[in-house]
Amino acid sequence: MATAPKLKDEKSALTGPQKAAIFMLALGADDAAPLWEMFDEDEIREMSQIMSSLGTVQAGIIEKLLVEFASKVSGTGALVGSYESTERLLLRFLPEDRVNSVMDEIRGPAGRTMWEKLGNVNEAVLASYLKNEYPQTVAVVLTKIRPEHAARVLGCLPEDFALEVVTRMLRMESVQKEILDKVEQTLRSEFMSNLSRTNRRDSHELMAEIFNNFDRQTEGRFLAALEERARESADRIKALMFTFEDLGRLDPGSVQTLLRAVDKNKLGIALKGASDALRDLFFANMSERAAKILREDMEMMGPVRLKDVDEAQMNMVNVAKDLANKGEIMIAAEGADNELIY
């Protein structure tokens, strides 16, 4: 009868996954249950495989391992969890390609399983990928996500192709596990990994958002200094910035939605510093009476401090961004008809 392999006496010989497996075994079924619930299927499978191959673990190794864990936790002080710290930790005991795969999945859409993540991908983005797949594959995918999301994805697909997918879904019986696993693996490796890399935030985008929140003088000072040191970066930031004058690209319906959402007390102040074209756009989307009252209010204000104008305009820009994020208005990129800027 074959005996289970024994671990070496020194705990230093243990790999990270082996330490985790021993720790889970030492906790016992009841205490470890909350941790098991946090693992996904792949992690449970990996942990179980390691546990089953541990063999006999001497009491001394267990004791040293638990003491090591307790000393690290008690001596750490405050913990900071971030993408960067998590990635550094994983690189200590996992190959780089495996870590990249894990981090790509974490950076991707929210969800514990791959199918939950897929269900949180924008329908237009998902449809753009699926339209190049076989109708049968698309049918399998759409049966695994929420019906309301599947409906939106079908609506984004070419009509003939969508109809073929619907036909396949109607004829579909139970999908073999091997086929489902293959589809899932393909989506994870080809779609999700590319999506997460695409979604990584560019540093220039972050700086453009910061610059958007500067007052006019500070913005000008920083941009001028940056143009001297790194003109290319300055140009990219300026191209990404969303300014008050960019509200001139709103369609009439979006202007009216924005007018209902902004602070009426700040609207006149913001328009005091606007170009004639932008003022006309807002006045044209008000009732004649409301436009007349606003013009009179602006005339009665007299001179307004630049700081107050900047603050009022920034408030309107932030309201517009929030409305765009909620899908209530559309801000077209310069030179485009339907592209969302924010």
C-alpha atoms as a PDB file:
ATOM      1  CA  MET A   1       0.000   0.000   0.000  1.00  0.00           C
ATOM      2  CA  ALA A   2       1.458   3.382  -1.033  1.00  0.00           C
ATOM      3  CA  THR A   3       1.970   5.961   1.699  1.00  0.00           C
ATOM      4  CA  ALA A   4       1.252   9.661   1.304  1.00  0.00           C
ATOM      5  CA  PRO A   5       4.364  11.809   0.731  1.00  0.00           C
ATOM      6  CA  LYS A   6       5.635  13.620   3.821  1.00  0.00           C
ATOM      7  CA  LEU A   7       6.633  17.252   3.845  1.00  0.00           C
ATOM      8  CA  LYS A   8      10.066  18.297   4.986  1.00  0.00           C
ATOM      9  CA  ASP A   9      10.435  19.380   8.596  1.00  0.00           C
ATOM     10  CA  GLU A  10      11.364  22.953   7.710  1.00  0.00           C
ATOM     11  CA  LYS A  11       8.402  25.211   6.965  1.00  0.00           C
ATOM     12  CA  SER A  12      10.689  27.276   4.737  1.00  0.00           C
ATOM     13  CA  ALA A  13      10.476  24.453   2.198  1.00  0.00           C
ATOM     14  CA  LEU A  14       6.741  25.033   1.792  1.00  0.00           C
ATOM     15  CA  THR A  15       5.374  26.954  -1.160  1.00  0.00           C
ATOM     16  CA  GLY A  16       2.823  29.723  -0.630  1.00  0.00           C
ATOM     17  CA  PRO A  17      -0.124  27.591  -1.844  1.00  0.00           C
ATOM     18  CA  GLN A  18       0.980  24.735   0.451  1.00  0.00           C
ATOM     19  CA  LYS A  19       1.052  27.098   3.430  1.00  0.00           C
ATOM     20  CA  ALA A  20      -2.437  28.273   2.549  1.00  0.00           C
ATOM     21  CA  ALA A  21      -3.675  24.686   2.270  1.00  0.00           C
ATOM     22  CA  ILE A  22      -2.195  23.746   5.654  1.00  0.00           C
ATOM     23  CA  PHE A  23      -3.670  26.871   7.212  1.00  0.00           C
ATOM     24  CA  MET A  24      -7.141  26.003   5.882  1.00  0.00           C
ATOM     25  CA  LEU A  25      -6.861  22.437   7.187  1.00  0.00           C
ATOM     26  CA  ALA A  26      -5.710  23.686  10.592  1.00  0.00           C
ATOM     27  CA  LEU A  27      -8.697  26.025  10.868  1.00  0.00           C
ATOM     28  CA  GLY A  28     -11.116  23.131  10.548  1.00  0.00           C
ATOM     29  CA  ALA A  29     -14.428  22.902   8.692  1.00  0.00           C
ATOM     30  CA  ASP A  30     -16.438  25.430  10.729  1.00  0.00           C
ATOM     31  CA  ASP A  31     -13.854  28.213  11.025  1.00  0.00           C
ATOM     32  CA  ALA A  32     -12.648  27.838   7.435  1.00  0.00           C
ATOM     33  CA  ALA A  33     -16.163  27.881   5.952  1.00  0.00           C
ATOM     34  CA  PRO A  34     -16.335  31.703   5.509  1.00  0.00           C
ATOM     35  CA  LEU A  35     -12.998  31.620   3.676  1.00  0.00           C
ATOM     36  CA  TRP A  36     -14.088  28.799   1.379  1.00  0.00           C
ATOM     37  CA  GLU A  37     -17.138  30.854   0.406  1.00  0.00           C
ATOM     38  CA  MET A  38     -14.842  33.647  -0.808  1.00  0.00           C
ATOM     39  CA  PHE A  39     -12.935  31.363  -3.198  1.00  0.00           C
ATOM     40  CA  ASP A  40     -14.036  30.952  -6.803  1.00  0.00           C
ATOM     41  CA  GLU A  41     -14.315  27.532  -8.422  1.00  0.00           C
ATOM     42  CA  ASP A  42     -10.758  27.537  -9.785  1.00  0.00           C
ATOM     43  CA  GLU A  43      -9.307  28.477  -6.387  1.00  0.00           C
ATOM     44  CA  ILE A  44     -11.306  25.745  -4.651  1.00  0.00           C
ATOM     45  CA  ARG A  45     -10.091  23.224  -7.203  1.00  0.00           C
ATOM     46  CA  GLU A  46      -6.453  24.302  -6.793  1.00  0.00           C
ATOM     47  CA  MET A  47      -6.620  24.346  -2.998  1.00  0.00           C
ATOM     48  CA  SER A  48      -8.273  20.932  -2.896  1.00  0.00           C
ATOM     49  CA  GLN A  49      -5.637  19.444  -5.158  1.00  0.00           C
ATOM     50  CA  ILE A  50      -2.822  20.735  -2.942  1.00  0.00           C
ATOM     51  CA  MET A  51      -4.562  19.499   0.217  1.00  0.00           C
ATOM     52  CA  SER A  52      -5.010  16.018  -1.198  1.00  0.00           C
ATOM     53  CA  SER A  53      -1.280  15.744  -1.937  1.00  0.00           C
ATOM     54  CA  LEU A  54       0.090  17.131   1.359  1.00  0.00           C
ATOM     55  CA  GLY A  55       0.365  13.812   3.122  1.00  0.00           C
ATOM     56  CA  THR A  56       1.385  13.935   6.776  1.00  0.00           C
ATOM     57  CA  VAL A  57       2.124  17.405   8.112  1.00  0.00           C
ATOM     58  CA  GLN A  58       4.034  17.330  11.386  1.00  0.00           C
ATOM     59  CA  ALA A  59       2.700  19.285  14.347  1.00  0.00           C
ATOM     60  CA  GLY A  60       5.906  21.341  14.543  1.00  0.00           C
ATOM     61  CA  ILE A  61       5.445  22.618  10.993  1.00  0.00           C
ATOM     62  CA  ILE A  62       1.822  23.594  11.721  1.00  0.00           C
ATOM     63  CA  GLU A  63       2.829  25.417  14.892  1.00  0.00           C
ATOM     64  CA  LYS A  64       5.633  27.344  13.162  1.00  0.00           C
ATOM     65  CA  LEU A  65       3.341  28.252  10.300  1.00  0.00           C
ATOM     66  CA  LEU A  66       0.636  29.615  12.604  1.00  0.00           C
ATOM     67  CA  VAL A  67       3.185  31.556  14.665  1.00  0.00           C
ATOM     68  CA  GLU A  68       4.596  33.044  11.445  1.00  0.00           C
ATOM     69  CA  PHE A  69       1.103  34.067  10.343  1.00  0.00           C
ATOM     70  CA  ALA A  70       0.247  35.622  13.732  1.00  0.00           C
ATOM     71  CA  SER A  71       3.538  37.537  13.922  1.00  0.00           C
ATOM     72  CA  LYS A  72       3.136  38.967  10.421  1.00  0.00           C
ATOM     73  CA  VAL A  73      -0.431  40.092  11.071  1.00  0.00           C
ATOM     74  CA  SER A  74       0.358  41.650  14.453  1.00  0.00           C
ATOM     75  CA  GLY A  75       3.514  43.370  13.218  1.00  0.00           C
ATOM     76  CA  THR A  76       2.112  44.794  10.039  1.00  0.00           C
ATOM     77  CA  GLY A  77       0.050  47.620  11.474  1.00  0.00           C
ATOM     78  CA  ALA A  78      -2.319  49.207   8.980  1.00  0.00           C
ATOM     79  CA  LEU A  79      -2.807  47.309   5.734  1.00  0.00           C
ATOM     80  CA  VAL A  80      -3.281  48.929   2.339  1.00  0.00           C
ATOM     81  CA  GLY A  81      -4.930  46.838  -0.336  1.00  0.00           C
ATOM     82  CA  SER A  82      -4.451  47.990  -3.925  1.00  0.00           C
ATOM     83  CA  TYR A  83      -3.920  46.553  -7.378  1.00  0.00           C
ATOM     84  CA  GLU A  84      -0.203  47.243  -7.073  1.00  0.00           C
ATOM     85  CA  SER A  85       0.296  45.650  -3.635  1.00  0.00           C
ATOM     86  CA  THR A  86      -1.777  42.628  -4.635  1.00  0.00           C
ATOM     87  CA  GLU A  87       0.245  42.190  -7.814  1.00  0.00           C
ATOM     88  CA  ARG A  88       3.548  42.397  -5.908  1.00  0.00           C
ATOM     89  CA  LEU A  89       2.300  39.792  -3.438  1.00  0.00           C
ATOM     90  CA  LEU A  90       1.181  37.364  -6.142  1.00  0.00           C
ATOM     91  CA  LEU A  91       4.491  37.700  -8.003  1.00  0.00           C
ATOM     92  CA  ARG A  92       6.272  36.254  -4.976  1.00  0.00           C
ATOM     93  CA  PHE A  93       4.743  32.821  -5.454  1.00  0.00           C
ATOM     94  CA  LEU A  94       3.103  32.704  -8.893  1.00  0.00           C
ATOM     95  CA  PRO A  95       4.618  32.891 -12.403  1.00  0.00           C
ATOM     96  CA  GLU A  96       4.379  36.296 -14.057  1.00  0.00           C
ATOM     97  CA  ASP A  97       2.026  35.143 -16.820  1.00  0.00           C
ATOM     98  CA  ARG A  98      -0.350  33.670 -14.227  1.00  0.00           C
ATOM     99  CA  VAL A  99      -0.268  36.888 -12.188  1.00  0.00           C
ATOM    100  CA  ASN A 100      -0.962  38.967 -15.304  1.00  0.00           C
ATOM    101  CA  SER A 101      -3.959  36.760 -16.064  1.00  0.00           C
ATOM    102  CA  VAL A 102      -5.335  37.090 -12.528  1.00  0.00           C
ATOM    103  CA  MET A 103      -4.826  40.862 -12.412  1.00  0.00           C
ATOM    104  CA  ASP A 104      -6.412  41.318 -15.840  1.00  0.00           C
ATOM    105  CA  GLU A 105      -9.493  39.482 -14.604  1.00  0.00           C
ATOM    106  CA  ILE A 106      -9.619  41.581 -11.421  1.00  0.00           C
ATOM    107  CA  ARG A 107      -9.378  44.810 -13.409  1.00  0.00           C
ATOM    108  CA  GLY A 108     -12.178  43.652 -15.679  1.00  0.00           C
ATOM    109  CA  PRO A 109     -15.931  43.982 -15.050  1.00  0.00           C
ATOM    110  CA  ALA A 110     -17.324  43.180 -11.596  1.00  0.00           C
ATOM    111  CA  GLY A 111     -18.484  39.646 -10.797  1.00  0.00           C
ATOM    112  CA  ARG A 112     -17.202  36.541  -9.032  1.00  0.00           C
ATOM    113  CA  THR A 113     -17.592  34.181 -11.971  1.00  0.00           C
ATOM    114  CA  MET A 114     -16.692  34.747 -15.588  1.00  0.00           C
ATOM    115  CA  TRP A 115     -20.394  34.742 -16.544  1.00  0.00           C
ATOM    116  CA  GLU A 116     -21.218  37.353 -13.905  1.00  0.00           C
ATOM    117  CA  LYS A 117     -18.392  39.511 -15.245  1.00  0.00           C
ATOM    118  CA  LEU A 118     -19.685  39.068 -18.781  1.00  0.00           C
ATOM    119  CA  GLY A 119     -23.133  40.170 -17.641  1.00  0.00           C
ATOM    120  CA  ASN A 120     -21.655  43.509 -16.565  1.00  0.00           C
ATOM    121  CA  VAL A 121     -20.010  44.283 -19.902  1.00  0.00           C
ATOM    122  CA  ASN A 122     -21.666  47.049 -21.926  1.00  0.00           C
ATOM    123  CA  GLU A 123     -24.047  45.452 -24.433  1.00  0.00           C
ATOM    124  CA  ALA A 124     -22.564  47.307 -27.424  1.00  0.00           C
ATOM    125  CA  VAL A 125     -19.035  46.183 -26.509  1.00  0.00           C
ATOM    126  CA  LEU A 126     -20.140  42.587 -26.021  1.00  0.00           C
ATOM    127  CA  ALA A 127     -22.138  42.572 -29.263  1.00  0.00           C
ATOM    128  CA  SER A 128     -19.153  43.974 -31.165  1.00  0.00           C
ATOM    129  CA  TYR A 129     -17.148  40.921 -30.090  1.00  0.00           C
ATOM    130  CA  LEU A 130     -19.889  38.318 -30.477  1.00  0.00           C
ATOM    131  CA  LYS A 131     -20.867  39.326 -34.010  1.00  0.00           C
ATOM    132  CA  ASN A 132     -17.625  37.717 -35.208  1.00  0.00           C
ATOM    133  CA  GLU A 133     -18.387  34.389 -33.487  1.00  0.00           C
ATOM    134  CA  TYR A 134     -20.465  31.425 -34.681  1.00  0.00           C
ATOM    135  CA  PRO A 135     -24.209  31.855 -34.024  1.00  0.00           C
ATOM    136  CA  GLN A 136     -24.214  28.680 -31.915  1.00  0.00           C
ATOM    137  CA  THR A 137     -21.460  30.084 -29.692  1.00  0.00           C
ATOM    138  CA  VAL A 138     -23.347  33.353 -29.283  1.00  0.00           C
ATOM    139  CA  ALA A 139     -26.503  31.403 -28.423  1.00  0.00           C
ATOM    140  CA  VAL A 140     -24.625  29.573 -25.650  1.00  0.00           C
ATOM    141  CA  VAL A 141     -23.276  32.852 -24.250  1.00  0.00           C
ATOM    142  CA  LEU A 142     -26.669  34.570 -24.235  1.00  0.00           C
ATOM    143  CA  THR A 143     -28.266  31.691 -22.330  1.00  0.00           C
ATOM    144  CA  LYS A 144     -25.730  32.215 -19.537  1.00  0.00           C
ATOM    145  CA  ILE A 145     -26.319  35.938 -18.912  1.00  0.00           C
ATOM    146  CA  ARG A 146     -29.369  37.755 -17.565  1.00  0.00           C
ATOM    147  CA  PRO A 147     -32.349  37.844 -19.976  1.00  0.00           C
ATOM    148  CA  GLU A 148     -32.568  41.648 -19.904  1.00  0.00           C
ATOM    149  CA  HIS A 149     -28.878  41.931 -20.778  1.00  0.00           C
ATOM    150  CA  ALA A 150     -29.188  39.289 -23.492  1.00  0.00           C
ATOM    151  CA  ALA A 151     -32.060  41.280 -24.993  1.00  0.00           C
ATOM    152  CA  ARG A 152     -29.917  44.429 -25.196  1.00  0.00           C
ATOM    153  CA  VAL A 153     -27.039  42.491 -26.778  1.00  0.00           C
ATOM    154  CA  LEU A 154     -29.374  40.979 -29.405  1.00  0.00           C
ATOM    155  CA  GLY A 155     -30.628  44.454 -30.191  1.00  0.00           C
ATOM    156  CA  CYS A 156     -27.047  45.559 -30.962  1.00  0.00           C
ATOM    157  CA  LEU A 157     -26.317  42.639 -33.320  1.00  0.00           C
ATOM    158  CA  PRO A 158     -27.001  42.758 -37.083  1.00  0.00           C
ATOM    159  CA  GLU A 159     -30.637  41.757 -37.605  1.00  0.00           C
ATOM    160  CA  ASP A 160     -30.060  38.634 -39.724  1.00  0.00           C
ATOM    161  CA  PHE A 161     -27.338  37.413 -37.410  1.00  0.00           C
ATOM    162  CA  ALA A 162     -29.468  38.104 -34.317  1.00  0.00           C
ATOM    163  CA  LEU A 163     -32.364  36.150 -35.816  1.00  0.00           C
ATOM    164  CA  GLU A 164     -30.059  33.192 -36.476  1.00  0.00           C
ATOM    165  CA  VAL A 165     -28.900  33.328 -32.843  1.00  0.00           C
ATOM    166  CA  VAL A 166     -32.518  33.393 -31.611  1.00  0.00           C
ATOM    167  CA  THR A 167     -33.272  30.331 -33.773  1.00  0.00           C
ATOM    168  CA  ARG A 168     -30.301  28.470 -32.283  1.00  0.00           C
ATOM    169  CA  MET A 169     -31.397  29.414 -28.767  1.00  0.00           C
ATOM    170  CA  LEU A 170     -34.893  28.036 -29.426  1.00  0.00           C
ATOM    171  CA  ARG A 171     -33.478  24.727 -30.640  1.00  0.00           C
ATOM    172  CA  MET A 172     -30.873  24.466 -27.901  1.00  0.00           C
ATOM    173  CA  GLU A 173     -31.059  21.668 -25.395  1.00  0.00           C
ATOM    174  CA  SER A 174     -28.675  21.112 -22.494  1.00  0.00           C
ATOM    175  CA  VAL A 175     -25.116  22.190 -23.330  1.00  0.00           C
ATOM    176  CA  GLN A 176     -22.377  19.663 -22.632  1.00  0.00           C
ATOM    177  CA  LYS A 177     -20.010  20.719 -19.886  1.00  0.00           C
ATOM    178  CA  GLU A 178     -16.982  20.312 -22.166  1.00  0.00           C
ATOM    179  CA  ILE A 179     -18.448  22.734 -24.714  1.00  0.00           C
ATOM    180  CA  LEU A 180     -19.417  25.230 -22.023  1.00  0.00           C
ATOM    181  CA  ASP A 181     -15.932  25.084 -20.491  1.00  0.00           C
ATOM    182  CA  LYS A 182     -14.360  25.662 -23.904  1.00  0.00           C
ATOM    183  CA  VAL A 183     -16.571  28.688 -24.616  1.00  0.00           C
ATOM    184  CA  GLU A 184     -15.818  30.087 -21.159  1.00  0.00           C
ATOM    185  CA  GLN A 185     -12.073  29.618 -21.613  1.00  0.00           C
ATOM    186  CA  THR A 186     -12.161  31.306 -25.027  1.00  0.00           C
ATOM    187  CA  LEU A 187     -14.088  34.274 -23.643  1.00  0.00           C
ATOM    188  CA  ARG A 188     -11.700  34.598 -20.720  1.00  0.00           C
ATOM    189  CA  SER A 189      -8.524  34.423 -22.819  1.00  0.00           C
ATOM    190  CA  GLU A 190      -9.618  36.338 -25.919  1.00  0.00           C
ATOM    191  CA  PHE A 191     -12.262  38.806 -24.759  1.00  0.00           C
ATOM    192  CA  MET A 192     -12.009  39.477 -21.024  1.00  0.00           C
ATOM    193  CA  SER A 193      -8.219  39.800 -20.978  1.00  0.00           C
ATOM    194  CA  ASN A 194      -8.273  42.281 -23.877  1.00  0.00           C
ATOM    195  CA  LEU A 195     -11.172  44.168 -22.301  1.00  0.00           C
ATOM    196  CA  SER A 196      -9.405  44.581 -18.956  1.00  0.00           C
ATOM    197  CA  ARG A 197      -6.253  45.820 -20.660  1.00  0.00           C
ATOM    198  CA  THR A 198      -8.316  48.293 -22.678  1.00  0.00           C
ATOM    199  CA  ASN A 199     -10.067  49.502 -19.520  1.00  0.00           C
ATOM    200  CA  ARG A 200      -6.856  50.334 -17.676  1.00  0.00           C
ATOM    201  CA  ARG A 201      -6.997  54.039 -17.036  1.00  0.00           C
ATOM    202  CA  ASP A 202      -4.496  56.117 -18.910  1.00  0.00           C
ATOM    203  CA  SER A 203      -2.537  58.532 -16.698  1.00  0.00           C
ATOM    204  CA  HIS A 204      -3.316  61.379 -19.106  1.00  0.00           C
ATOM    205  CA  GLU A 205      -7.050  60.772 -18.606  1.00  0.00           C
ATOM    206  CA  LEU A 206      -6.606  61.092 -14.839  1.00  0.00           C
ATOM    207  CA  MET A 207      -4.605  64.306 -15.231  1.00  0.00           C
ATOM    208  CA  ALA A 208      -7.214  65.722 -17.631  1.00  0.00           C
ATOM    209  CA  GLU A 209      -9.869  65.171 -14.973  1.00  0.00           C
ATOM    210  CA  ILE A 210      -7.679  66.878 -12.369  1.00  0.00           C
ATOM    211  CA  PHE A 211      -7.039  69.820 -14.712  1.00  0.00           C
ATOM    212  CA  ASN A 212     -10.786  70.095 -15.306  1.00  0.00           C
ATOM    213  CA  ASN A 213     -11.172  70.894 -11.614  1.00  0.00           C
ATOM    214  CA  PHE A 214      -8.561  73.665 -11.581  1.00  0.00           C
ATOM    215  CA  ASP A 215      -9.704  77.267 -11.690  1.00  0.00           C
ATOM    216  CA  ARG A 216      -8.846  79.032 -14.935  1.00  0.00           C
ATOM    217  CA  GLN A 217      -5.632  80.667 -13.685  1.00  0.00           C
ATOM    218  CA  THR A 218      -4.230  77.503 -12.094  1.00  0.00           C
ATOM    219  CA  GLU A 219      -5.100  75.473 -15.169  1.00  0.00           C
ATOM    220  CA  GLY A 220      -3.316  77.957 -17.433  1.00  0.00           C
ATOM    221  CA  ARG A 221      -0.242  78.052 -15.191  1.00  0.00           C
ATOM    222  CA  PHE A 222       0.130  74.261 -15.059  1.00  0.00           C
ATOM    223  CA  LEU A 223      -0.513  73.768 -18.772  1.00  0.00           C
ATOM    224  CA  ALA A 224       2.032  76.450 -19.687  1.00  0.00           C
ATOM    225  CA  ALA A 225       4.664  74.853 -17.456  1.00  0.00           C
ATOM    226  CA  LEU A 226       3.879  71.378 -18.784  1.00  0.00           C
ATOM    227  CA  GLU A 227       4.090  72.563 -22.404  1.00  0.00           C
ATOM    228  CA  GLU A 228       7.687  73.635 -21.746  1.00  0.00           C
ATOM    229  CA  ARG A 229       8.677  70.321 -20.145  1.00  0.00           C
ATOM    230  CA  ALA A 230       6.548  67.774 -22.037  1.00  0.00           C
ATOM    231  CA  ARG A 231       4.578  69.301 -24.918  1.00  0.00           C
ATOM    232  CA  GLU A 232       3.235  65.949 -26.111  1.00  0.00           C
ATOM    233  CA  SER A 233       1.736  65.176 -22.692  1.00  0.00           C
ATOM    234  CA  ALA A 234       0.289  68.681 -22.457  1.00  0.00           C
ATOM    235  CA  ASP A 235      -1.344  68.305 -25.866  1.00  0.00           C
ATOM    236  CA  ARG A 236      -2.839  64.929 -24.889  1.00  0.00           C
ATOM    237  CA  ILE A 237      -4.223  66.333 -21.644  1.00  0.00           C
ATOM    238  CA  LYS A 238      -5.787  69.321 -23.446  1.00  0.00           C
ATOM    239  CA  ALA A 239      -7.386  66.970 -25.986  1.00  0.00           C
ATOM    240  CA  LEU A 240      -8.869  64.855 -23.171  1.00  0.00           C
ATOM    241  CA  MET A 241     -10.095  67.729 -21.034  1.00  0.00           C
ATOM    242  CA  PHE A 242     -13.828  68.388 -21.003  1.00  0.00           C
ATOM    243  CA  THR A 243     -14.465  72.094 -20.617  1.00  0.00           C
ATOM    244  CA  PHE A 244     -17.490  74.313 -20.202  1.00  0.00           C
ATOM    245  CA  GLU A 245     -17.372  75.329 -23.868  1.00  0.00           C
ATOM    246  CA  ASP A 246     -17.631  71.624 -24.812  1.00  0.00           C
ATOM    247  CA  LEU A 247     -21.250  71.815 -23.633  1.00  0.00           C
ATOM    248  CA  GLY A 248     -21.847  73.477 -26.993  1.00  0.00           C
ATOM    249  CA  ARG A 249     -21.757  69.988 -28.538  1.00  0.00           C
ATOM    250  CA  LEU A 250     -24.881  68.917 -26.653  1.00  0.00           C
ATOM    251  CA  ASP A 251     -27.988  68.136 -28.659  1.00  0.00           C
ATOM    252  CA  PRO A 252     -31.152  70.137 -27.793  1.00  0.00           C
ATOM    253  CA  GLY A 253     -32.672  67.332 -25.698  1.00  0.00           C
ATOM    254  CA  SER A 254     -29.474  67.018 -23.647  1.00  0.00           C
ATOM    255  CA  VAL A 255     -29.328  70.795 -23.115  1.00  0.00           C
ATOM    256  CA  GLN A 256     -32.880  70.743 -21.764  1.00  0.00           C
ATOM    257  CA  THR A 257     -32.072  67.821 -19.457  1.00  0.00           C
ATOM    258  CA  LEU A 258     -29.002  69.663 -18.174  1.00  0.00           C
ATOM    259  CA  LEU A 259     -31.005  72.855 -17.597  1.00  0.00           C
ATOM    260  CA  ARG A 260     -33.447  70.929 -15.395  1.00  0.00           C
ATOM    261  CA  ALA A 261     -30.595  69.466 -13.345  1.00  0.00           C
ATOM    262  CA  VAL A 262     -28.325  72.471 -12.723  1.00  0.00           C
ATOM    263  CA  ASP A 263     -28.547  74.910  -9.844  1.00  0.00           C
ATOM    264  CA  LYS A 264     -30.628  77.784 -11.232  1.00  0.00           C
ATOM    265  CA  ASN A 265     -28.811  80.285  -9.019  1.00  0.00           C
ATOM    266  CA  LYS A 266     -25.489  79.391 -10.678  1.00  0.00           C
ATOM    267  CA  LEU A 267     -26.731  79.145 -14.266  1.00  0.00           C
ATOM    268  CA  GLY A 268     -26.666  82.904 -14.873  1.00  0.00           C
ATOM    269  CA  ILE A 269     -23.206  83.254 -13.319  1.00  0.00           C
ATOM    270  CA  ALA A 270     -21.863  80.421 -15.504  1.00  0.00           C
ATOM    271  CA  LEU A 271     -23.308  81.951 -18.683  1.00  0.00           C
ATOM    272  CA  LYS A 272     -21.816  85.377 -17.819  1.00  0.00           C
ATOM    273  CA  GLY A 273     -18.439  83.907 -18.791  1.00  0.00           C
ATOM    274  CA  ALA A 274     -19.674  81.881 -21.786  1.00  0.00           C
ATOM    275  CA  SER A 275     -19.221  82.625 -25.465  1.00  0.00           C
ATOM    276  CA  ASP A 276     -22.134  84.193 -27.349  1.00  0.00           C
ATOM    277  CA  ALA A 277     -22.699  80.915 -29.245  1.00  0.00           C
ATOM    278  CA  LEU A 278     -22.980  78.893 -26.038  1.00  0.00           C
ATOM    279  CA  ARG A 279     -25.307  81.439 -24.431  1.00  0.00           C
ATOM    280  CA  ASP A 280     -27.545  81.340 -27.507  1.00  0.00           C
ATOM    281  CA  LEU A 281     -27.654  77.536 -27.343  1.00  0.00           C
ATOM    282  CA  PHE A 282     -28.945  77.573 -23.771  1.00  0.00           C
ATOM    283  CA  PHE A 283     -31.384  80.436 -24.349  1.00  0.00           C
ATOM    284  CA  ALA A 284     -32.766  78.666 -27.437  1.00  0.00           C
ATOM    285  CA  ASN A 285     -33.621  75.622 -25.331  1.00  0.00           C
ATOM    286  CA  MET A 286     -35.564  77.568 -22.702  1.00  0.00           C
ATOM    287  CA  SER A 287     -39.067  78.879 -22.883  1.00  0.00           C
ATOM    288  CA  GLU A 288     -39.255  82.477 -24.095  1.00  0.00           C
ATOM    289  CA  ARG A 289     -40.317  83.651 -20.640  1.00  0.00           C
ATOM    290  CA  ALA A 290     -37.517  81.730 -18.825  1.00  0.00           C
ATOM    291  CA  ALA A 291     -34.888  83.048 -21.255  1.00  0.00           C
ATOM    292  CA  LYS A 292     -36.112  86.627 -20.760  1.00  0.00           C
ATOM    293  CA  ILE A 293     -35.991  86.318 -16.958  1.00  0.00           C
ATOM    294  CA  LEU A 294     -32.466  84.812 -17.079  1.00  0.00           C
ATOM    295  CA  ARG A 295     -31.195  87.611 -19.353  1.00  0.00           C
ATOM    296  CA  GLU A 296     -32.612  90.211 -16.984  1.00  0.00           C
ATOM    297  CA  ASP A 297     -31.042  88.474 -13.979  1.00  0.00           C
ATOM    298  CA  MET A 298     -27.650  88.428 -15.734  1.00  0.00           C
ATOM    299  CA  GLU A 299     -27.883  92.142 -16.523  1.00  0.00           C
ATOM    300  CA  MET A 300     -28.756  92.948 -12.902  1.00  0.00           C
ATOM    301  CA  MET A 301     -25.729  90.998 -11.614  1.00  0.00           C
ATOM    302  CA  GLY A 302     -23.270  93.512 -12.957  1.00  0.00           C
ATOM    303  CA  PRO A 303     -19.585  92.492 -12.875  1.00  0.00           C
ATOM    304  CA  VAL A 304     -18.981  88.948 -11.525  1.00  0.00           C
ATOM    305  CA  ARG A 305     -15.718  87.665 -10.073  1.00  0.00           C
ATOM    306  CA  LEU A 306     -13.825  85.274 -12.348  1.00  0.00           C
ATOM    307  CA  LYS A 307     -13.512  82.838  -9.446  1.00  0.00           C
ATOM    308  CA  ASP A 308     -17.308  82.655  -9.115  1.00  0.00           C
ATOM    309  CA  VAL A 309     -17.745  82.150 -12.858  1.00  0.00           C
ATOM    310  CA  ASP A 310     -15.192  79.316 -12.859  1.00  0.00           C
ATOM    311  CA  GLU A 311     -16.921  77.651  -9.921  1.00  0.00           C
ATOM    312  CA  ALA A 312     -20.372  77.893 -11.537  1.00  0.00           C
ATOM    313  CA  GLN A 313     -19.100  76.566 -14.870  1.00  0.00           C
ATOM    314  CA  MET A 314     -17.265  73.695 -13.176  1.00  0.00           C
ATOM    315  CA  ASN A 315     -20.495  72.799 -11.381  1.00  0.00           C
ATOM    316  CA  MET A 316     -22.357  72.618 -14.709  1.00  0.00           C
ATOM    317  CA  VAL A 317     -19.610  70.485 -16.275  1.00  0.00           C
ATOM    318  CA  ASN A 318     -19.721  68.025 -13.359  1.00  0.00           C
ATOM    319  CA  VAL A 319     -23.520  67.805 -13.565  1.00  0.00           C
ATOM    320  CA  ALA A 320     -23.218  67.099 -17.309  1.00  0.00           C
ATOM    321  CA  LYS A 321     -20.660  64.338 -16.667  1.00  0.00           C
ATOM    322  CA  ASP A 322     -22.913  62.721 -14.061  1.00  0.00           C
ATOM    323  CA  LEU A 323     -25.880  62.812 -16.443  1.00  0.00           C
ATOM    324  CA  ALA A 324     -23.748  61.319 -19.227  1.00  0.00           C
ATOM    325  CA  ASN A 325     -22.562  58.523 -16.938  1.00  0.00           C
ATOM    326  CA  LYS A 326     -26.207  57.721 -16.141  1.00  0.00           C
ATOM    327  CA  GLY A 327     -27.051  57.679 -19.840  1.00  0.00           C
ATOM    328  CA  GLU A 328     -29.464  60.613 -19.511  1.00  0.00           C
ATOM    329  CA  ILE A 329     -27.583  62.856 -21.933  1.00  0.00           C
ATOM    330  CA  MET A 330     -25.118  62.275 -24.742  1.00  0.00           C
ATOM    331  CA  ILE A 331     -21.976  64.330 -25.248  1.00  0.00           C
ATOM    332  CA  ALA A 332     -20.623  63.819 -28.752  1.00  0.00           C
ATOM    333  CA  ALA A 333     -16.884  63.892 -29.255  1.00  0.00           C
ATOM    334  CA  GLU A 334     -15.601  66.624 -31.566  1.00  0.00           C
ATOM    335  CA  GLY A 335     -16.043  65.520 -35.156  1.00  0.00           C
ATOM    336  CA  ALA A 336     -18.181  62.515 -34.191  1.00  0.00           C
ATOM    337  CA  ASP A 337     -21.925  61.979 -34.204  1.00  0.00           C
ATOM    338  CA  ASN A 338     -22.632  59.452 -31.451  1.00  0.00           C
ATOM    339  CA  GLU A 339     -19.432  58.786 -29.528  1.00  0.00           C
ATOM    340  CA  LEU A 340     -19.701  59.306 -25.781  1.00  0.00           C
ATOM    341  CA  ILE A 341     -16.972  61.429 -24.302  1.00  0.00           C
ATOM    342  CA  TYR A 342     -17.620  60.674 -20.632  1.00  0.00           C
END
